[in-house]
């Protein structure tokens, strides 16, 4: 496994993540236990060290992140040998214009009232560390400064 400087690793990680539709997002519950759930990865957004997810404002995921913003997103490609783990800190975004920016029509399946609905939260995961394993090689990156600077 090679260590990559933060900013230099972002395009490599982005190329891997953008091919993957679903990840498991793990958070720490108020009971201290780790909880993971499948979340859709918006591959139409160029990954810059930040991942974006939608969730119900009053749901367990948002409550857990408000209690402890640490999270891990684990990605696995459907085809071939590609795995990516991104750990970082999450922020709950409530700005309607920001929610509209990342909104996709298929989200209406879960959120029929659209991004303007106050019951729809946008979660921003700022990557602090990433590891990846792929046929082209493995890597490890400290992204704290790279994501803060972008």
Protein backbone atom coordinates (compact mmCIF):
# COMPACT_ATOMS: atom_id res chain seq x y z
CA UNK A 1 0.00 0.00 0.00
CA UNK A 2 1.39 3.38 -0.95
CA UNK A 3 0.84 6.60 0.95
CA UNK A 4 -0.30 9.48 -1.23
CA UNK A 5 -0.25 13.15 -0.30
CA UNK A 6 -3.81 14.37 0.26
CA UNK A 7 -4.48 16.66 -2.68
CA UNK A 8 -2.66 14.34 -5.11
CA UNK A 9 -4.82 11.40 -4.02
CA UNK A 10 -8.19 13.10 -4.64
CA UNK A 11 -8.38 12.48 -8.43
CA UNK A 12 -7.46 8.80 -7.92
CA UNK A 13 -10.08 8.32 -5.20
CA UNK A 14 -12.67 10.25 -7.26
CA UNK A 15 -12.09 7.98 -10.26
CA UNK A 16 -12.75 4.93 -8.10
CA UNK A 17 -15.76 6.29 -6.19
CA UNK A 18 -17.54 7.77 -9.22
CA UNK A 19 -17.96 4.25 -10.66
CA UNK A 20 -19.75 3.00 -7.53
CA UNK A 21 -23.46 3.63 -6.96
CA UNK A 22 -23.98 2.43 -3.37
CA UNK A 23 -21.83 2.62 -0.26
CA UNK A 24 -22.35 1.63 3.36
CA UNK A 25 -22.30 4.69 5.62
CA UNK A 26 -21.38 3.81 9.20
CA UNK A 27 -21.98 6.03 12.22
CA UNK A 28 -21.87 5.62 15.98
CA UNK A 29 -25.27 5.38 17.61
CA UNK A 30 -26.27 7.00 20.86
CA UNK A 31 -25.98 3.50 22.35
CA UNK A 32 -22.29 3.45 21.42
CA UNK A 33 -22.79 0.75 18.78
CA UNK A 34 -21.75 1.20 15.17
CA UNK A 35 -24.59 1.29 12.62
CA UNK A 36 -24.21 1.03 8.84
CA UNK A 37 -26.77 1.54 6.15
CA UNK A 38 -26.69 1.59 2.33
CA UNK A 39 -26.60 5.07 0.84
CA UNK A 40 -26.62 6.21 -2.76
CA UNK A 41 -23.45 7.82 -4.05
CA UNK A 42 -24.13 10.60 -6.53
CA UNK A 43 -21.61 9.73 -9.24
CA UNK A 44 -22.67 12.83 -11.18
CA UNK A 45 -20.87 14.97 -8.60
CA UNK A 46 -17.10 15.17 -9.04
CA UNK A 47 -15.67 13.93 -5.74
CA UNK A 48 -13.40 16.59 -4.22
CA UNK A 49 -12.95 15.06 -0.78
CA UNK A 50 -16.59 15.62 0.11
CA UNK A 51 -19.40 13.09 -0.23
CA UNK A 52 -23.07 14.08 -0.24
CA UNK A 53 -26.03 12.04 0.98
CA UNK A 54 -29.73 12.70 1.60
CA UNK A 55 -31.58 11.40 4.65
CA UNK A 56 -34.75 12.14 6.64
CA UNK A 57 -34.13 15.02 9.03
CA UNK A 58 -35.84 13.19 11.88
CA UNK A 59 -34.22 9.81 11.15
CA UNK A 60 -31.67 7.81 13.10
CA UNK A 61 -28.77 8.67 10.76
CA UNK A 62 -29.13 12.43 11.27
CA UNK A 63 -29.60 11.99 15.03
CA UNK A 64 -26.45 9.89 15.24
CA UNK A 65 -24.41 12.43 13.29
CA UNK A 66 -25.64 15.27 15.46
CA UNK A 67 -24.44 13.31 18.49
CA UNK A 68 -21.13 12.19 16.92
CA UNK A 69 -20.20 13.53 13.45
CA UNK A 70 -17.62 10.81 12.80
CA UNK A 71 -18.54 8.54 9.89
CA UNK A 72 -17.08 6.02 7.47
CA UNK A 73 -18.29 5.43 3.92
CA UNK A 74 -17.30 2.02 2.54
CA UNK A 75 -17.54 1.52 -1.23
CA UNK A 76 -17.30 -1.68 -3.29
CA UNK A 77 -17.56 -1.81 -7.05
CA UNK A 78 -20.11 -4.18 -8.56
CA UNK A 79 -17.56 -5.34 -11.14
CA UNK A 80 -13.88 -6.08 -10.70
CA UNK A 81 -11.73 -5.53 -7.65
CA UNK A 82 -12.25 -2.03 -6.23
CA UNK A 83 -12.83 -1.10 -2.58
CA UNK A 84 -12.63 2.37 -1.02
CA UNK A 85 -12.98 3.43 2.60
CA UNK A 86 -13.42 7.13 3.40
CA UNK A 87 -13.56 8.29 7.00
CA UNK A 88 -14.29 11.79 8.14
CA UNK A 89 -16.67 14.18 9.83
CA UNK A 90 -20.22 14.88 8.71
CA UNK A 91 -22.20 18.09 8.70
CA UNK A 92 -25.97 18.35 8.33
CA UNK A 93 -26.74 20.93 5.64
CA UNK A 94 -30.16 22.60 5.65
CA UNK A 95 -29.68 25.23 2.93
CA UNK A 96 -32.36 24.64 0.30
CA UNK A 97 -30.20 25.91 -2.57
CA UNK A 98 -27.44 23.48 -1.61
CA UNK A 99 -29.95 20.63 -1.41
CA UNK A 100 -31.24 21.57 -4.89
CA UNK A 101 -27.67 21.53 -6.22
CA UNK A 102 -27.18 17.86 -5.28
CA UNK A 103 -30.76 16.68 -5.86
CA UNK A 104 -31.48 13.90 -8.37
CA UNK A 105 -34.97 12.99 -9.65
CA UNK A 106 -34.64 9.39 -8.39
CA UNK A 107 -34.53 10.73 -4.82
CA UNK A 108 -38.27 11.46 -5.10
CA UNK A 109 -38.79 7.74 -4.40
CA UNK A 110 -37.79 8.41 -0.78
CA UNK A 111 -38.49 12.14 -0.57
CA UNK A 112 -41.63 12.86 -2.64
CA UNK A 113 -41.79 16.54 -1.57
CA UNK A 114 -38.37 17.34 -3.06
CA UNK A 115 -35.35 19.20 -1.72
CA UNK A 116 -37.41 22.12 -0.41
CA UNK A 117 -38.96 19.84 2.23
CA UNK A 118 -37.65 20.64 5.73
CA UNK A 119 -37.79 16.89 6.46
CA UNK A 120 -35.00 16.30 3.91
CA UNK A 121 -31.46 16.67 5.23
CA UNK A 122 -28.32 16.86 3.12
CA UNK A 123 -25.29 15.26 4.74
CA UNK A 124 -21.80 16.42 3.78
CA UNK A 125 -19.01 14.00 4.68
CA UNK A 126 -15.64 15.76 4.70
CA UNK A 127 -12.97 13.11 4.17
CA UNK A 128 -10.10 12.98 6.63
CA UNK A 129 -8.56 9.67 5.58
CA UNK A 130 -9.05 7.31 2.66
CA UNK A 131 -7.82 3.86 1.80
CA UNK A 132 -8.37 2.00 -1.43
CA UNK A 133 -7.69 -1.39 -2.87
CA UNK A 134 -7.95 -1.84 -6.63
CA UNK A 135 -6.55 -3.99 -9.40
CA UNK A 136 -4.37 -1.01 -10.38
CA UNK A 137 -2.92 -0.73 -6.87
CA UNK A 138 -3.70 0.14 -3.28
CA UNK A 139 -3.32 3.41 -1.44
CA UNK A 140 -3.73 5.37 1.74
CA UNK A 141 -4.17 9.14 2.06
CA UNK A 142 -4.45 11.72 4.80
CA UNK A 143 -7.00 14.17 3.39
CA UNK A 144 -7.50 16.52 6.34
CA UNK A 145 -5.58 19.46 4.85
CA UNK A 146 -6.63 18.72 1.26
CA UNK A 147 -10.37 18.87 2.00
CA UNK A 148 -10.07 21.87 4.33
CA UNK A 149 -8.25 23.80 1.60
CA UNK A 150 -10.81 23.08 -1.14
